[in-house]
Amino acid sequence: MKGSIKIDKQRCKGCRYCITICPSGVIGLGRHFNRSGYFPAIAIYPEKCTGCGMCATVCPEIAITVYREKSGGRK
């Protein structure tokens, strides 16, 4: 299954839970502060995302939305 994620960079506090749990190594920390002074998580290898949803499940700030492609390549 193919998927994609959207991370709300302003909501993210850079806790790294999503980075640790992602089995595909999709997520890393950004290099620029958000408005709250945190380095937010970013999708550094978005093409590797399987849409498993583990990152969104562990995110304490509910900053990650996961999208999964349906059969035929539609999201």
C-alpha atoms as a PDB file:
ATOM      1  CA  MET A   1       0.000   0.000   0.000  1.00  0.00           C
ATOM      2  CA  LYS A   2       1.176   3.501  -0.793  1.00  0.00           C
ATOM      3  CA  GLY A   3       0.496   6.468   1.408  1.00  0.00           C
ATOM      4  CA  SER A   4       1.462   9.987   2.310  1.00  0.00           C
ATOM      5  CA  ILE A   5       1.505  12.149   5.406  1.00  0.00           C
ATOM      6  CA  LYS A   6       0.890  15.786   6.157  1.00  0.00           C
ATOM      7  CA  ILE A   7       2.542  17.250   9.246  1.00  0.00           C
ATOM      8  CA  ASP A   8       1.213  20.443  10.801  1.00  0.00           C
ATOM      9  CA  LYS A   9       4.575  22.112  11.428  1.00  0.00           C
ATOM     10  CA  GLN A  10       3.106  24.757  13.713  1.00  0.00           C
ATOM     11  CA  ARG A  11       1.471  22.161  15.964  1.00  0.00           C
ATOM     12  CA  CYS A  12       4.509  19.813  16.106  1.00  0.00           C
ATOM     13  CA  LYS A  13       6.775  20.081  19.171  1.00  0.00           C
ATOM     14  CA  GLY A  14       9.595  17.936  17.780  1.00  0.00           C
ATOM     15  CA  CYS A  15       9.219  15.100  20.304  1.00  0.00           C
ATOM     16  CA  ARG A  16      10.566  12.595  17.743  1.00  0.00           C
ATOM     17  CA  TYR A  17       8.059   9.862  18.586  1.00  0.00           C
ATOM     18  CA  CYS A  18       7.010   9.698  14.931  1.00  0.00           C
ATOM     19  CA  ILE A  19      10.625   9.479  13.794  1.00  0.00           C
ATOM     20  CA  THR A  20      11.314   6.614  16.174  1.00  0.00           C
ATOM     21  CA  ILE A  21       8.238   4.570  15.267  1.00  0.00           C
ATOM     22  CA  CYS A  22       8.171   5.000  11.473  1.00  0.00           C
ATOM     23  CA  PRO A  23       9.177   1.605  10.007  1.00  0.00           C
ATOM     24  CA  SER A  24      10.077   3.164   6.646  1.00  0.00           C
ATOM     25  CA  GLY A  25      12.274   6.024   7.876  1.00  0.00           C
ATOM     26  CA  VAL A  26      10.066   8.634   6.226  1.00  0.00           C
ATOM     27  CA  ILE A  27      10.241  11.311   8.931  1.00  0.00           C
ATOM     28  CA  GLY A  28      13.074  13.495  10.211  1.00  0.00           C
ATOM     29  CA  LEU A  29      13.439  16.822  11.995  1.00  0.00           C
ATOM     30  CA  GLY A  30      13.350  20.066  10.083  1.00  0.00           C
ATOM     31  CA  ARG A  31      16.096  22.670  10.315  1.00  0.00           C
ATOM     32  CA  HIS A  32      13.894  25.702  10.898  1.00  0.00           C
ATOM     33  CA  PHE A  33      12.022  26.651  14.046  1.00  0.00           C
ATOM     34  CA  ASN A  34       8.248  26.856  14.013  1.00  0.00           C
ATOM     35  CA  ARG A  35       6.406  29.751  15.703  1.00  0.00           C
ATOM     36  CA  SER A  36       6.631  28.000  19.069  1.00  0.00           C
ATOM     37  CA  GLY A  37      10.414  27.589  18.863  1.00  0.00           C
ATOM     38  CA  TYR A  38      10.528  23.870  18.061  1.00  0.00           C
ATOM     39  CA  PHE A  39      12.177  22.043  15.181  1.00  0.00           C
ATOM     40  CA  PRO A  40       9.144  20.289  13.661  1.00  0.00           C
ATOM     41  CA  ALA A  41       9.088  16.871  12.067  1.00  0.00           C
ATOM     42  CA  ILE A  42       9.096  16.759   8.267  1.00  0.00           C
ATOM     43  CA  ALA A  43       8.710  14.022   5.659  1.00  0.00           C
ATOM     44  CA  ILE A  44      12.268  13.620   4.375  1.00  0.00           C
ATOM     45  CA  TYR A  45      11.537  10.518   2.258  1.00  0.00           C
ATOM     46  CA  PRO A  46       7.826  10.863   1.403  1.00  0.00           C
ATOM     47  CA  GLU A  47       8.070   8.323  -1.417  1.00  0.00           C
ATOM     48  CA  LYS A  48       8.749   5.585   1.165  1.00  0.00           C
ATOM     49  CA  CYS A  49       5.486   6.146   3.059  1.00  0.00           C
ATOM     50  CA  THR A  50       3.237   3.081   3.234  1.00  0.00           C
ATOM     51  CA  GLY A  51       0.362   4.857   4.975  1.00  0.00           C
ATOM     52  CA  CYS A  52       0.592   2.579   8.026  1.00  0.00           C
ATOM     53  CA  GLY A  53      -0.508   5.389  10.360  1.00  0.00           C
ATOM     54  CA  MET A  54       1.858   4.569  13.201  1.00  0.00           C
ATOM     55  CA  CYS A  55       3.261   8.109  13.217  1.00  0.00           C
ATOM     56  CA  ALA A  56      -0.182   9.662  13.625  1.00  0.00           C
ATOM     57  CA  THR A  57      -1.062   7.194  16.373  1.00  0.00           C
ATOM     58  CA  VAL A  58       1.906   8.150  18.575  1.00  0.00           C
ATOM     59  CA  CYS A  59       1.814  11.908  17.932  1.00  0.00           C
ATOM     60  CA  PRO A  60       0.785  13.596  21.224  1.00  0.00           C
ATOM     61  CA  GLU A  61      -0.023  16.863  19.428  1.00  0.00           C
ATOM     62  CA  ILE A  62      -2.249  15.266  16.746  1.00  0.00           C
ATOM     63  CA  ALA A  63      -0.081  17.013  14.154  1.00  0.00           C
ATOM     64  CA  ILE A  64       0.061  14.222  11.557  1.00  0.00           C
ATOM     65  CA  THR A  65      -2.594  13.251   9.029  1.00  0.00           C
ATOM     66  CA  VAL A  66      -2.122  10.046   7.042  1.00  0.00           C
ATOM     67  CA  TYR A  67      -3.500   9.491   3.548  1.00  0.00           C
ATOM     68  CA  ARG A  68      -3.690   6.073   1.899  1.00  0.00           C
ATOM     69  CA  GLU A  69      -4.068   5.437  -1.802  1.00  0.00           C
ATOM     70  CA  LYS A  70      -7.012   3.308  -2.787  1.00  0.00           C
ATOM     71  CA  SER A  71      -6.573   0.680  -5.451  1.00  0.00           C
ATOM     72  CA  GLY A  72      -6.049   2.353  -8.792  1.00  0.00           C
ATOM     73  CA  GLY A  73      -3.717   5.023  -7.392  1.00  0.00           C
ATOM     74  CA  ARG A  74      -6.374   7.353  -5.942  1.00  0.00           C
ATOM     75  CA  LYS A  75      -6.098   8.851  -2.447  1.00  0.00           C
END
